[in-house]
Amino acid sequence: MMKRIPYEPGNGTRYDLVFGRVPGITPDHEPVFMVTWLRNGGGGVSMTLRSFVPVHTYISEKLDCGEVDAKAIALFLEAAIEAEK
């Protein structure tokens, strides 16, 4: 189930994220997750990932954001994926 989560990592920023497990089964039975960063309260950019968090440069490229934002989102993803296990 997808959940809208306001994430405030303590660095003076707030991220309006949608996160959850993508329904369906992959051939290797590994879960797939999706994260969307809703910018300015509206639409945003999404990315899917397996049960590991890619490096922040990859997140930056996929979500079209800066390095600082990508690092904060990576921290969120680490905690969120761990909580889903």
C-alpha atoms as a PDB file:
ATOM      1  CA  MET A   1       0.000   0.000   0.000  1.00  0.00           C
ATOM      2  CA  MET A   2       1.287   3.433  -0.915  1.00  0.00           C
ATOM      3  CA  LYS A   3       1.481   5.989   1.887  1.00  0.00           C
ATOM      4  CA  ARG A   4       1.974   9.740   1.762  1.00  0.00           C
ATOM      5  CA  ILE A   5       4.631  10.617   4.319  1.00  0.00           C
ATOM      6  CA  PRO A   6       5.853  14.061   5.349  1.00  0.00           C
ATOM      7  CA  TYR A   7       9.552  13.499   6.012  1.00  0.00           C
ATOM      8  CA  GLU A   8      11.514  16.046   8.058  1.00  0.00           C
ATOM      9  CA  PRO A   9      15.102  14.794   8.462  1.00  0.00           C
ATOM     10  CA  GLY A  10      16.181  17.579  10.816  1.00  0.00           C
ATOM     11  CA  ASN A  11      18.187  19.568   8.292  1.00  0.00           C
ATOM     12  CA  GLY A  12      15.626  22.360   7.963  1.00  0.00           C
ATOM     13  CA  THR A  13      13.828  20.760   5.032  1.00  0.00           C
ATOM     14  CA  ARG A  14      10.572  18.905   4.551  1.00  0.00           C
ATOM     15  CA  TYR A  15       9.921  16.287   1.904  1.00  0.00           C
ATOM     16  CA  ASP A  16       6.399  15.294   0.886  1.00  0.00           C
ATOM     17  CA  LEU A  17       6.977  11.666  -0.152  1.00  0.00           C
ATOM     18  CA  VAL A  18       4.784   8.805  -1.295  1.00  0.00           C
ATOM     19  CA  PHE A  19       6.298   5.406  -0.511  1.00  0.00           C
ATOM     20  CA  GLY A  20       5.193   1.813  -0.624  1.00  0.00           C
ATOM     21  CA  ARG A  21       5.593  -1.664  -1.961  1.00  0.00           C
ATOM     22  CA  VAL A  22       4.649  -2.146  -5.596  1.00  0.00           C
ATOM     23  CA  PRO A  23       2.088  -4.942  -5.993  1.00  0.00           C
ATOM     24  CA  GLY A  24       3.054  -8.024  -7.927  1.00  0.00           C
ATOM     25  CA  ILE A  25       5.813 -10.571  -7.770  1.00  0.00           C
ATOM     26  CA  THR A  26       9.163 -10.292  -9.467  1.00  0.00           C
ATOM     27  CA  PRO A  27      10.725 -13.416 -10.959  1.00  0.00           C
ATOM     28  CA  ASP A  28      13.214 -13.560  -8.080  1.00  0.00           C
ATOM     29  CA  HIS A  29      10.503 -12.855  -5.442  1.00  0.00           C
ATOM     30  CA  GLU A  30      12.341  -9.758  -4.274  1.00  0.00           C
ATOM     31  CA  PRO A  31      10.068  -6.874  -3.191  1.00  0.00           C
ATOM     32  CA  VAL A  32       9.940  -3.739  -5.295  1.00  0.00           C
ATOM     33  CA  PHE A  33       9.309  -0.330  -3.739  1.00  0.00           C
ATOM     34  CA  MET A  34       8.372   3.021  -5.211  1.00  0.00           C
ATOM     35  CA  VAL A  35       9.094   6.504  -3.916  1.00  0.00           C
ATOM     36  CA  THR A  36       7.680   9.738  -5.287  1.00  0.00           C
ATOM     37  CA  TRP A  37       8.765  13.188  -4.197  1.00  0.00           C
ATOM     38  CA  LEU A  38       5.755  15.492  -4.439  1.00  0.00           C
ATOM     39  CA  ARG A  39       7.272  18.873  -5.031  1.00  0.00           C
ATOM     40  CA  ASN A  40       5.363  22.030  -4.186  1.00  0.00           C
ATOM     41  CA  GLY A  41       2.361  20.006  -3.019  1.00  0.00           C
ATOM     42  CA  GLY A  42       1.615  18.695  -6.490  1.00  0.00           C
ATOM     43  CA  GLY A  43       2.974  16.151  -8.903  1.00  0.00           C
ATOM     44  CA  GLY A  44       6.426  14.740  -8.688  1.00  0.00           C
ATOM     45  CA  VAL A  45       8.992  12.334  -9.988  1.00  0.00           C
ATOM     46  CA  SER A  46       8.960   8.647  -9.051  1.00  0.00           C
ATOM     47  CA  MET A  47      11.479   5.855  -9.002  1.00  0.00           C
ATOM     48  CA  THR A  48      11.292   2.163  -8.208  1.00  0.00           C
ATOM     49  CA  LEU A  49      13.930   0.193  -6.369  1.00  0.00           C
ATOM     50  CA  ARG A  50      14.538  -3.241  -4.912  1.00  0.00           C
ATOM     51  CA  SER A  51      15.230  -3.945  -1.259  1.00  0.00           C
ATOM     52  CA  PHE A  52      18.461  -1.921  -1.209  1.00  0.00           C
ATOM     53  CA  VAL A  53      19.037   1.812  -1.404  1.00  0.00           C
ATOM     54  CA  PRO A  54      21.156   2.975  -4.327  1.00  0.00           C
ATOM     55  CA  VAL A  55      23.842   5.600  -3.883  1.00  0.00           C
ATOM     56  CA  HIS A  56      22.653   9.184  -3.591  1.00  0.00           C
ATOM     57  CA  THR A  57      24.004  10.119  -7.026  1.00  0.00           C
ATOM     58  CA  TYR A  58      21.636   7.596  -8.609  1.00  0.00           C
ATOM     59  CA  ILE A  59      18.719   8.960  -6.565  1.00  0.00           C
ATOM     60  CA  SER A  60      19.692  12.489  -7.601  1.00  0.00           C
ATOM     61  CA  GLU A  61      19.621  11.503 -11.259  1.00  0.00           C
ATOM     62  CA  LYS A  62      16.342   9.591 -11.108  1.00  0.00           C
ATOM     63  CA  LEU A  63      14.425  12.111  -8.967  1.00  0.00           C
ATOM     64  CA  ASP A  64      16.037  15.097 -10.712  1.00  0.00           C
ATOM     65  CA  CYS A  65      17.198  16.686  -7.478  1.00  0.00           C
ATOM     66  CA  GLY A  66      20.366  17.972  -5.870  1.00  0.00           C
ATOM     67  CA  GLU A  67      22.865  15.980  -3.856  1.00  0.00           C
ATOM     68  CA  VAL A  68      21.688  17.251  -0.442  1.00  0.00           C
ATOM     69  CA  ASP A  69      18.080  16.286  -1.194  1.00  0.00           C
ATOM     70  CA  ALA A  70      19.165  12.914  -2.581  1.00  0.00           C
ATOM     71  CA  LYS A  71      21.136  12.125   0.590  1.00  0.00           C
ATOM     72  CA  ALA A  72      18.134  12.998   2.776  1.00  0.00           C
ATOM     73  CA  ILE A  73      15.820  10.847   0.655  1.00  0.00           C
ATOM     74  CA  ALA A  74      18.341   7.974   0.801  1.00  0.00           C
ATOM     75  CA  LEU A  75      18.196   8.104   4.615  1.00  0.00           C
ATOM     76  CA  PHE A  76      14.408   7.981   4.449  1.00  0.00           C
ATOM     77  CA  LEU A  77      14.511   5.019   2.068  1.00  0.00           C
ATOM     78  CA  GLU A  78      16.907   3.057   4.277  1.00  0.00           C
ATOM     79  CA  ALA A  79      14.570   3.380   7.259  1.00  0.00           C
ATOM     80  CA  ALA A  80      11.370   2.824   5.250  1.00  0.00           C
ATOM     81  CA  ILE A  81      12.627  -0.308   3.489  1.00  0.00           C
ATOM     82  CA  GLU A  82      13.948  -1.729   6.753  1.00  0.00           C
ATOM     83  CA  ALA A  83      10.540  -1.158   8.363  1.00  0.00           C
ATOM     84  CA  GLU A  84       8.870  -3.059   5.504  1.00  0.00           C
ATOM     85  CA  LYS A  85      10.997  -6.183   6.019  1.00  0.00           C
END
